[in-house]
């Protein structure tokens, strides 16, 4: 995983812990939503690359 994605995940986790304890400001809620969106887009992109690299073979031949 890239260093920037590691930092993104770390920040998402920090905000999640804070949300459970003291709550988040409106700015932090917006930041959390943007970071989650960025993470999901990266995850989907990586999954697509993995799925596109799968090669099927015909076992009957």
PDB file of N, CA and C in Angstrom:
ATOM      1  N   UNK A   1       0.854  -1.172   0.000  1.00  0.00           N
ATOM      2  CA  UNK A   1       0.000   0.000   0.000  1.00  0.00           C
ATOM      3  C   UNK A   1       0.900   1.236   0.000  1.00  0.00           C
ATOM      4  N   UNK A   2       0.483   2.273  -0.672  1.00  0.00           N
ATOM      5  CA  UNK A   2       1.299   3.470  -0.765  1.00  0.00           C
ATOM      6  C   UNK A   2       1.302   4.232   0.558  1.00  0.00           C
ATOM      7  N   UNK A   3       2.321   5.055   0.719  1.00  0.00           N
ATOM      8  CA  UNK A   3       2.460   5.843   1.947  1.00  0.00           C
ATOM      9  C   UNK A   3       1.293   6.802   2.128  1.00  0.00           C
ATOM     10  N   UNK A   4       0.818   7.397   1.022  1.00  0.00           N
ATOM     11  CA  UNK A   4      -0.307   8.327   1.135  1.00  0.00           C
ATOM     12  C   UNK A   4      -1.592   7.607   1.538  1.00  0.00           C
ATOM     13  N   UNK A   5      -1.775   6.381   1.044  1.00  0.00           N
ATOM     14  CA  UNK A   5      -2.962   5.620   1.432  1.00  0.00           C
ATOM     15  C   UNK A   5      -2.859   5.195   2.894  1.00  0.00           C
ATOM     16  N   UNK A   6      -1.658   4.852   3.348  1.00  0.00           N
ATOM     17  CA  UNK A   6      -1.464   4.522   4.761  1.00  0.00           C
ATOM     18  C   UNK A   6      -1.833   5.710   5.640  1.00  0.00           C
ATOM     19  N   UNK A   7      -1.418   6.894   5.224  1.00  0.00           N
ATOM     20  CA  UNK A   7      -1.733   8.101   5.991  1.00  0.00           C
ATOM     21  C   UNK A   7      -3.232   8.390   5.964  1.00  0.00           C
ATOM     22  N   UNK A   8      -3.862   8.124   4.819  1.00  0.00           N
ATOM     23  CA  UNK A   8      -5.311   8.317   4.706  1.00  0.00           C
ATOM     24  C   UNK A   8      -6.042   7.399   5.678  1.00  0.00           C
ATOM     25  N   UNK A   9      -5.653   6.139   5.704  1.00  0.00           N
ATOM     26  CA  UNK A   9      -6.284   5.174   6.609  1.00  0.00           C
ATOM     27  C   UNK A   9      -6.036   5.568   8.062  1.00  0.00           C
ATOM     28  N   UNK A  10      -4.832   5.980   8.354  1.00  0.00           N
ATOM     29  CA  UNK A  10      -4.497   6.408   9.720  1.00  0.00           C
ATOM     30  C   UNK A  10      -5.380   7.580  10.150  1.00  0.00           C
ATOM     31  N   UNK A  11      -5.563   8.534   9.267  1.00  0.00           N
ATOM     32  CA  UNK A  11      -6.397   9.699   9.595  1.00  0.00           C
ATOM     33  C   UNK A  11      -7.867   9.305   9.736  1.00  0.00           C
ATOM     34  N   UNK A  12      -8.353   8.422   8.881  1.00  0.00           N
ATOM     35  CA  UNK A  12      -9.731   7.929   9.003  1.00  0.00           C
ATOM     36  C   UNK A  12      -9.916   7.287  10.377  1.00  0.00           C
ATOM     37  N   UNK A  13      -8.954   6.497  10.784  1.00  0.00           N
ATOM     38  CA  UNK A  13      -9.038   5.839  12.086  1.00  0.00           C
ATOM     39  C   UNK A  13      -8.993   6.840  13.236  1.00  0.00           C
ATOM     40  N   UNK A  14      -8.161   7.865  13.118  1.00  0.00           N
ATOM     41  CA  UNK A  14      -8.113   8.911  14.142  1.00  0.00           C
ATOM     42  C   UNK A  14      -9.476   9.589  14.282  1.00  0.00           C
ATOM     43  N   UNK A  15     -10.064   9.926  13.153  1.00  0.00           N
ATOM     44  CA  UNK A  15     -11.368  10.581  13.181  1.00  0.00           C
ATOM     45  C   UNK A  15     -12.448   9.647  13.724  1.00  0.00           C
ATOM     46  N   UNK A  16     -12.344   8.368  13.423  1.00  0.00           N
ATOM     47  CA  UNK A  16     -13.326   7.399  13.939  1.00  0.00           C
ATOM     48  C   UNK A  16     -13.232   7.310  15.459  1.00  0.00           C
ATOM     49  N   UNK A  17     -12.012   7.268  15.977  1.00  0.00           N
ATOM     50  CA  UNK A  17     -11.836   7.225  17.438  1.00  0.00           C
ATOM     51  C   UNK A  17     -12.374   8.490  18.083  1.00  0.00           C
ATOM     52  N   UNK A  18     -12.084   9.635  17.483  1.00  0.00           N
ATOM     53  CA  UNK A  18     -12.558  10.899  18.033  1.00  0.00           C
ATOM     54  C   UNK A  18     -14.082  10.982  17.976  1.00  0.00           C
ATOM     55  N   UNK A  19     -14.675  10.487  16.897  1.00  0.00           N
ATOM     56  CA  UNK A  19     -16.133  10.508  16.752  1.00  0.00           C
ATOM     57  C   UNK A  19     -16.796   9.704  17.868  1.00  0.00           C
ATOM     58  N   UNK A  20     -16.147   8.617  18.287  1.00  0.00           N
ATOM     59  CA  UNK A  20     -16.713   7.772  19.335  1.00  0.00           C
ATOM     60  C   UNK A  20     -16.545   8.377  20.726  1.00  0.00           C
ATOM     61  N   UNK A  21     -15.551   9.248  20.893  1.00  0.00           N
ATOM     62  CA  UNK A  21     -15.279   9.788  22.229  1.00  0.00           C
ATOM     63  C   UNK A  21     -15.879  11.165  22.416  1.00  0.00           C
ATOM     64  N   UNK A  22     -15.356  12.151  21.709  1.00  0.00           N
ATOM     65  CA  UNK A  22     -15.785  13.542  21.941  1.00  0.00           C
ATOM     66  C   UNK A  22     -16.632  14.118  20.826  1.00  0.00           C
ATOM     67  N   UNK A  23     -16.730  13.404  19.715  1.00  0.00           N
ATOM     68  CA  UNK A  23     -17.493  13.916  18.581  1.00  0.00           C
ATOM     69  C   UNK A  23     -16.617  14.697  17.620  1.00  0.00           C
ATOM     70  N   UNK A  24     -17.172  14.968  16.452  1.00  0.00           N
ATOM     71  CA  UNK A  24     -16.432  15.661  15.395  1.00  0.00           C
ATOM     72  C   UNK A  24     -17.072  17.011  15.098  1.00  0.00           C
ATOM     73  N   UNK A  25     -16.216  17.946  14.673  1.00  0.00           N
ATOM     74  CA  UNK A  25     -16.720  19.230  14.200  1.00  0.00           C
ATOM     75  C   UNK A  25     -17.267  19.028  12.788  1.00  0.00           C
ATOM     76  N   UNK A  26     -17.983  20.011  12.296  1.00  0.00           N
ATOM     77  CA  UNK A  26     -18.498  19.921  10.925  1.00  0.00           C
ATOM     78  C   UNK A  26     -17.360  19.777   9.921  1.00  0.00           C
ATOM     79  N   UNK A  27     -16.260  20.480  10.144  1.00  0.00           N
ATOM     80  CA  UNK A  27     -15.109  20.394   9.244  1.00  0.00           C
ATOM     81  C   UNK A  27     -14.506  18.995   9.272  1.00  0.00           C
ATOM     82  N   UNK A  28     -14.436  18.392  10.450  1.00  0.00           N
ATOM     83  CA  UNK A  28     -13.892  17.046  10.565  1.00  0.00           C
ATOM     84  C   UNK A  28     -14.820  16.013   9.924  1.00  0.00           C
ATOM     85  N   UNK A  29     -16.106  16.223  10.025  1.00  0.00           N
ATOM     86  CA  UNK A  29     -17.064  15.325   9.363  1.00  0.00           C
ATOM     87  C   UNK A  29     -16.877  15.394   7.856  1.00  0.00           C
ATOM     88  N   UNK A  30     -16.717  16.605   7.334  1.00  0.00           N
ATOM     89  CA  UNK A  30     -16.471  16.767   5.893  1.00  0.00           C
ATOM     90  C   UNK A  30     -15.158  16.095   5.488  1.00  0.00           C
ATOM     91  N   UNK A  31     -14.116  16.287   6.308  1.00  0.00           N
ATOM     92  CA  UNK A  31     -12.815  15.667   6.024  1.00  0.00           C
ATOM     93  C   UNK A  31     -12.943  14.146   6.026  1.00  0.00           C
ATOM     94  N   UNK A  32     -13.629  13.607   7.030  1.00  0.00           N
ATOM     95  CA  UNK A  32     -13.817  12.163   7.126  1.00  0.00           C
ATOM     96  C   UNK A  32     -14.534  11.628   5.895  1.00  0.00           C
ATOM     97  N   UNK A  33     -15.585  12.318   5.459  1.00  0.00           N
ATOM     98  CA  UNK A  33     -16.332  11.870   4.287  1.00  0.00           C
ATOM     99  C   UNK A  33     -15.467  11.882   3.029  1.00  0.00           C
ATOM    100  N   UNK A  34     -14.651  12.911   2.861  1.00  0.00           N
ATOM    101  CA  UNK A  34     -13.755  12.988   1.700  1.00  0.00           C
ATOM    102  C   UNK A  34     -12.700  11.882   1.749  1.00  0.00           C
ATOM    103  N   UNK A  35     -12.140  11.627   2.937  1.00  0.00           N
ATOM    104  CA  UNK A  35     -11.130  10.583   3.067  1.00  0.00           C
ATOM    105  C   UNK A  35     -11.727   9.205   2.792  1.00  0.00           C
ATOM    106  N   UNK A  36     -12.928   8.974   3.278  1.00  0.00           N
ATOM    107  CA  UNK A  36     -13.600   7.701   3.012  1.00  0.00           C
ATOM    108  C   UNK A  36     -13.844   7.517   1.520  1.00  0.00           C
ATOM    109  N   UNK A  37     -14.287   8.593   0.869  1.00  0.00           N
ATOM    110  CA  UNK A  37     -14.534   8.539  -0.572  1.00  0.00           C
ATOM    111  C   UNK A  37     -13.237   8.212  -1.327  1.00  0.00           C
ATOM    112  N   UNK A  38     -12.143   8.870  -0.937  1.00  0.00           N
ATOM    113  CA  UNK A  38     -10.840   8.644  -1.562  1.00  0.00           C
ATOM    114  C   UNK A  38     -10.402   7.187  -1.360  1.00  0.00           C
ATOM    115  N   UNK A  39     -10.587   6.668  -0.153  1.00  0.00           N
ATOM    116  CA  UNK A  39     -10.207   5.287   0.150  1.00  0.00           C
ATOM    117  C   UNK A  39     -11.023   4.301  -0.675  1.00  0.00           C
ATOM    118  N   UNK A  40     -12.331   4.507  -0.748  1.00  0.00           N
ATOM    119  CA  UNK A  40     -13.197   3.595  -1.496  1.00  0.00           C
ATOM    120  C   UNK A  40     -12.846   3.605  -2.983  1.00  0.00           C
ATOM    121  N   UNK A  41     -12.564   4.779  -3.538  1.00  0.00           N
ATOM    122  CA  UNK A  41     -12.174   4.864  -4.952  1.00  0.00           C
ATOM    123  C   UNK A  41     -10.881   4.094  -5.204  1.00  0.00           C
ATOM    124  N   UNK A  42      -9.911   4.221  -4.302  1.00  0.00           N
ATOM    125  CA  UNK A  42      -8.643   3.505  -4.450  1.00  0.00           C
ATOM    126  C   UNK A  42      -8.866   2.000  -4.331  1.00  0.00           C
ATOM    127  N   UNK A  43      -9.700   1.599  -3.376  1.00  0.00           N
ATOM    128  CA  UNK A  43     -10.001   0.176  -3.184  1.00  0.00           C
ATOM    129  C   UNK A  43     -10.651  -0.408  -4.434  1.00  0.00           C
ATOM    130  N   UNK A  44     -11.634   0.289  -4.964  1.00  0.00           N
ATOM    131  CA  UNK A  44     -12.312  -0.189  -6.180  1.00  0.00           C
ATOM    132  C   UNK A  44     -11.348  -0.276  -7.354  1.00  0.00           C
ATOM    133  N   UNK A  45     -10.468   0.731  -7.473  1.00  0.00           N
ATOM    134  CA  UNK A  45      -9.492   0.721  -8.554  1.00  0.00           C
ATOM    135  C   UNK A  45      -8.564  -0.473  -8.463  1.00  0.00           C
ATOM    136  N   UNK A  46      -8.077  -0.758  -7.249  1.00  0.00           N
ATOM    137  CA  UNK A  46      -7.194  -1.906  -7.048  1.00  0.00           C
ATOM    138  C   UNK A  46      -7.919  -3.221  -7.322  1.00  0.00           C
ATOM    139  N   UNK A  47      -9.158  -3.316  -6.890  1.00  0.00           N
ATOM    140  CA  UNK A  47      -9.943  -4.525  -7.128  1.00  0.00           C
ATOM    141  C   UNK A  47     -10.161  -4.738  -8.623  1.00  0.00           C
ATOM    142  N   UNK A  48     -10.456  -3.662  -9.340  1.00  0.00           N
ATOM    143  CA  UNK A  48     -10.665  -3.768 -10.784  1.00  0.00           C
ATOM    144  C   UNK A  48      -9.408  -4.268 -11.484  1.00  0.00           C
ATOM    145  N   UNK A  49      -8.253  -3.744 -11.075  1.00  0.00           N
ATOM    146  CA  UNK A  49      -6.989  -4.199 -11.670  1.00  0.00           C
ATOM    147  C   UNK A  49      -6.796  -5.690 -11.413  1.00  0.00           C
ATOM    148  N   UNK A  50      -7.079  -6.130 -10.192  1.00  0.00           N
ATOM    149  CA  UNK A  50      -6.935  -7.548  -9.874  1.00  0.00           C
ATOM    150  C   UNK A  50      -7.900  -8.396 -10.690  1.00  0.00           C
ATOM    151  N   UNK A  51      -9.139  -7.969 -10.772  1.00  0.00           N
ATOM    152  CA  UNK A  51     -10.120  -8.746 -11.527  1.00  0.00           C
ATOM    153  C   UNK A  51      -9.802  -8.767 -13.016  1.00  0.00           C
ATOM    154  N   UNK A  52      -9.312  -7.648 -13.537  1.00  0.00           N
ATOM    155  CA  UNK A  52      -8.965  -7.593 -14.959  1.00  0.00           C
ATOM    156  C   UNK A  52      -7.767  -8.479 -15.294  1.00  0.00           C
ATOM    157  N   UNK A  53      -6.947  -8.793 -14.305  1.00  0.00           N
ATOM    158  CA  UNK A  53      -5.756  -9.600 -14.572  1.00  0.00           C
ATOM    159  C   UNK A  53      -6.039 -11.109 -14.482  1.00  0.00           C
ATOM    160  N   UNK A  54      -7.244 -11.482 -14.100  1.00  0.00           N
ATOM    161  CA  UNK A  54      -7.598 -12.899 -14.013  1.00  0.00           C
ATOM    162  C   UNK A  54      -7.780 -13.454 -15.419  1.00  0.00           C
ATOM    163  N   UNK A  55      -7.136 -14.579 -15.652  1.00  0.00           N
ATOM    164  CA  UNK A  55      -7.257 -15.237 -16.945  1.00  0.00           C
ATOM    165  C   UNK A  55      -7.949 -16.575 -16.728  1.00  0.00           C
ATOM    166  N   UNK A  56      -9.006 -16.818 -17.482  1.00  0.00           N
ATOM    167  CA  UNK A  56      -9.744 -18.069 -17.386  1.00  0.00           C
ATOM    168  C   UNK A  56      -9.176 -19.059 -18.390  1.00  0.00           C
ATOM    169  N   UNK A  57      -9.116 -20.289 -17.975  1.00  0.00           N
ATOM    170  CA  UNK A  57      -8.660 -21.344 -18.883  1.00  0.00           C
ATOM    171  C   UNK A  57      -9.759 -22.372 -19.008  1.00  0.00           C
ATOM    172  N   UNK A  58      -9.780 -22.999 -20.132  1.00  0.00           N
ATOM    173  CA  UNK A  58     -10.757 -24.057 -20.393  1.00  0.00           C
ATOM    174  C   UNK A  58     -10.142 -25.384 -19.971  1.00  0.00           C
ATOM    175  N   UNK A  59     -10.668 -25.993 -18.928  1.00  0.00           N
ATOM    176  CA  UNK A  59     -10.089 -27.215 -18.402  1.00  0.00           C
ATOM    177  C   UNK A  59     -10.377 -28.429 -19.284  1.00  0.00           C
ATOM    178  N   UNK A  60     -11.315 -28.322 -20.208  1.00  0.00           N
ATOM    179  CA  UNK A  60     -11.662 -29.449 -21.059  1.00  0.00           C
ATOM    180  C   UNK A  60     -10.650 -29.655 -22.184  1.00  0.00           C
ATOM    181  N   UNK A  61      -9.867 -28.655 -22.524  1.00  0.00           N
ATOM    182  CA  UNK A  61      -8.897 -28.761 -23.619  1.00  0.00           C
ATOM    183  C   UNK A  61      -7.525 -29.024 -23.126  1.00  0.00           C
TER     184      UNK A  61
END
